[in-house]
């Protein structure tokens, strides 16, 4: 799980002046859920390719399916 501090920093980099702890916690939950979805797809891609190791290209390909550049 991403720490509140890390998530607050990300939100502040997007231009927010102040970020509540609840907002950081909620974004952390959402990001964790999306990361799990991408990771599952990447693992399936690696397996399909005959590999046991998930590689950078698997993550990139899986992320594209979920519309994340």
Protein backbone atom coordinates (compact mmCIF):
# COMPACT_ATOMS: atom_id res chain seq x y z
CA UNK A 1 0.00 0.00 0.00
CA UNK A 2 1.24 3.46 -0.85
CA UNK A 3 1.78 5.68 2.16
CA UNK A 4 -0.38 8.75 2.70
CA UNK A 5 2.70 10.94 2.44
CA UNK A 6 3.63 9.53 -0.96
CA UNK A 7 0.10 9.92 -2.29
CA UNK A 8 -0.19 13.44 -0.87
CA UNK A 9 3.05 14.32 -2.68
CA UNK A 10 1.63 12.96 -5.95
CA UNK A 11 -1.56 14.99 -5.56
CA UNK A 12 0.44 18.12 -4.71
CA UNK A 13 2.58 17.61 -7.83
CA UNK A 14 -0.66 17.82 -9.81
CA UNK A 15 -1.20 21.33 -8.48
CA UNK A 16 -3.13 20.94 -5.21
CA UNK A 17 -2.08 23.31 -2.45
CA UNK A 18 -3.47 21.18 0.40
CA UNK A 19 -4.50 17.53 0.54
CA UNK A 20 -6.57 15.89 3.26
CA UNK A 21 -5.54 12.59 4.74
CA UNK A 22 -8.86 11.07 3.63
CA UNK A 23 -8.24 12.13 0.03
CA UNK A 24 -4.77 10.59 0.05
CA UNK A 25 -6.10 7.37 1.59
CA UNK A 26 -8.88 7.08 -0.99
CA UNK A 27 -6.52 7.63 -3.92
CA UNK A 28 -4.14 5.08 -2.42
CA UNK A 29 -6.94 2.47 -2.36
CA UNK A 30 -7.88 3.24 -5.97
CA UNK A 31 -4.28 3.09 -7.18
CA UNK A 32 -3.71 -0.20 -5.37
CA UNK A 33 -6.81 -1.71 -6.99
CA UNK A 34 -5.73 -0.58 -10.47
CA UNK A 35 -2.15 -1.78 -9.89
CA UNK A 36 -3.48 -5.20 -8.94
CA UNK A 37 -5.58 -5.36 -12.13
CA UNK A 38 -2.58 -4.40 -14.27
CA UNK A 39 -0.32 -6.84 -12.42
CA UNK A 40 -2.74 -9.73 -12.95
CA UNK A 41 -2.93 -8.99 -16.66
CA UNK A 42 0.87 -8.66 -16.89
CA UNK A 43 1.33 -12.01 -15.15
CA UNK A 44 -1.09 -13.60 -17.63
CA UNK A 45 0.85 -12.08 -20.54
CA UNK A 46 4.13 -13.45 -19.19
CA UNK A 47 2.59 -16.89 -18.74
CA UNK A 48 1.16 -16.78 -22.26
CA UNK A 49 4.67 -15.97 -23.52
CA UNK A 50 6.03 -19.03 -21.74
CA UNK A 51 7.78 -17.05 -19.01
CA UNK A 52 7.47 -17.12 -15.25
CA UNK A 53 8.98 -13.65 -14.91
CA UNK A 54 6.86 -10.54 -15.41
CA UNK A 55 8.86 -8.04 -17.42
CA UNK A 56 8.61 -4.31 -18.10
CA UNK A 57 7.03 -4.99 -21.50
CA UNK A 58 4.27 -7.04 -19.83
CA UNK A 59 3.43 -4.19 -17.48
CA UNK A 60 3.41 -1.67 -20.36
CA UNK A 61 1.17 -3.86 -22.48
CA UNK A 62 -1.21 -4.55 -19.59
CA UNK A 63 -1.36 -0.85 -18.69
CA UNK A 64 -2.32 0.07 -22.26
CA UNK A 65 -5.33 -2.21 -22.00
CA UNK A 66 -6.46 -0.22 -18.96
CA UNK A 67 -5.75 3.11 -20.75
CA UNK A 68 -2.71 4.02 -18.66
CA UNK A 69 0.24 5.30 -20.74
